[in-house]
Protein backbone atom coordinates (compact mmCIF):
# COMPACT_ATOMS: atom_id res chain seq x y z
CA UNK A 1 -10.78 -164.62 -77.04
CA UNK A 2 -13.33 -166.63 -75.92
CA UNK A 3 -16.56 -168.96 -76.57
CA UNK A 4 -20.04 -167.57 -75.31
CA UNK A 5 -22.24 -169.91 -74.37
CA UNK A 6 -24.09 -169.42 -77.54
CA UNK A 7 -21.37 -171.09 -79.38
CA UNK A 8 -19.46 -167.71 -81.19
CA UNK A 9 -16.12 -166.71 -80.82
CA UNK A 10 -15.63 -162.92 -79.42
CA UNK A 11 -13.15 -160.88 -78.46
CA UNK A 12 -13.18 -157.38 -77.05
CA UNK A 13 -10.30 -154.56 -77.71
CA UNK A 14 -9.63 -150.86 -77.02
CA UNK A 15 -9.37 -148.51 -79.62
CA UNK A 16 -9.14 -144.64 -78.86
CA UNK A 17 -10.50 -145.12 -75.69
CA UNK A 18 -13.52 -147.05 -76.78
CA UNK A 19 -14.33 -150.99 -76.51
CA UNK A 20 -15.06 -152.44 -79.54
CA UNK A 21 -16.58 -156.46 -80.02
CA UNK A 22 -15.67 -158.72 -82.84
CA UNK A 23 -17.13 -161.99 -82.91
CA UNK A 24 -17.91 -165.20 -85.48
CA UNK A 25 -18.38 -168.62 -85.78
CA UNK A 26 -14.78 -169.59 -85.52
CA UNK A 27 -11.31 -167.94 -84.02
CA UNK A 28 -9.74 -167.29 -87.20
CA UNK A 29 -13.30 -165.37 -88.72
CA UNK A 30 -12.67 -163.24 -85.45
CA UNK A 31 -9.31 -162.26 -86.53
CA UNK A 32 -9.35 -161.58 -89.81
CA UNK A 33 -12.72 -159.01 -88.79
CA UNK A 34 -10.14 -157.49 -86.83
CA UNK A 35 -7.40 -156.98 -89.17
CA UNK A 36 -10.00 -155.96 -91.57
CA UNK A 37 -11.32 -153.25 -88.91
CA UNK A 38 -7.70 -152.22 -89.22
CA UNK A 39 -6.88 -151.50 -92.17
CA UNK A 40 -10.13 -149.73 -92.79
CA UNK A 41 -8.87 -147.51 -90.06
CA UNK A 42 -5.50 -146.81 -91.32
CA UNK A 43 -6.79 -145.79 -94.76
CA UNK A 44 -8.30 -141.80 -95.21
CA UNK A 45 -11.90 -141.40 -95.24
CA UNK A 46 -13.70 -141.25 -98.31
CA UNK A 47 -15.43 -138.08 -99.96
CA UNK A 48 -18.92 -140.08 -99.44
CA UNK A 49 -17.99 -140.64 -95.24
CA UNK A 50 -17.25 -137.01 -94.95
CA UNK A 51 -20.37 -135.53 -96.30
């Protein structure tokens, strides 16, 4: 994780061969966003998402 020149924190991780960037005002916010994304990916897709 690093701090960008504009003051935001950013962490780039590779998921399924694709780069995904997470940005936030604090390092805790970035970590929270990564955790929420991981939880969302583990859940089965909703019917609305599939159709």
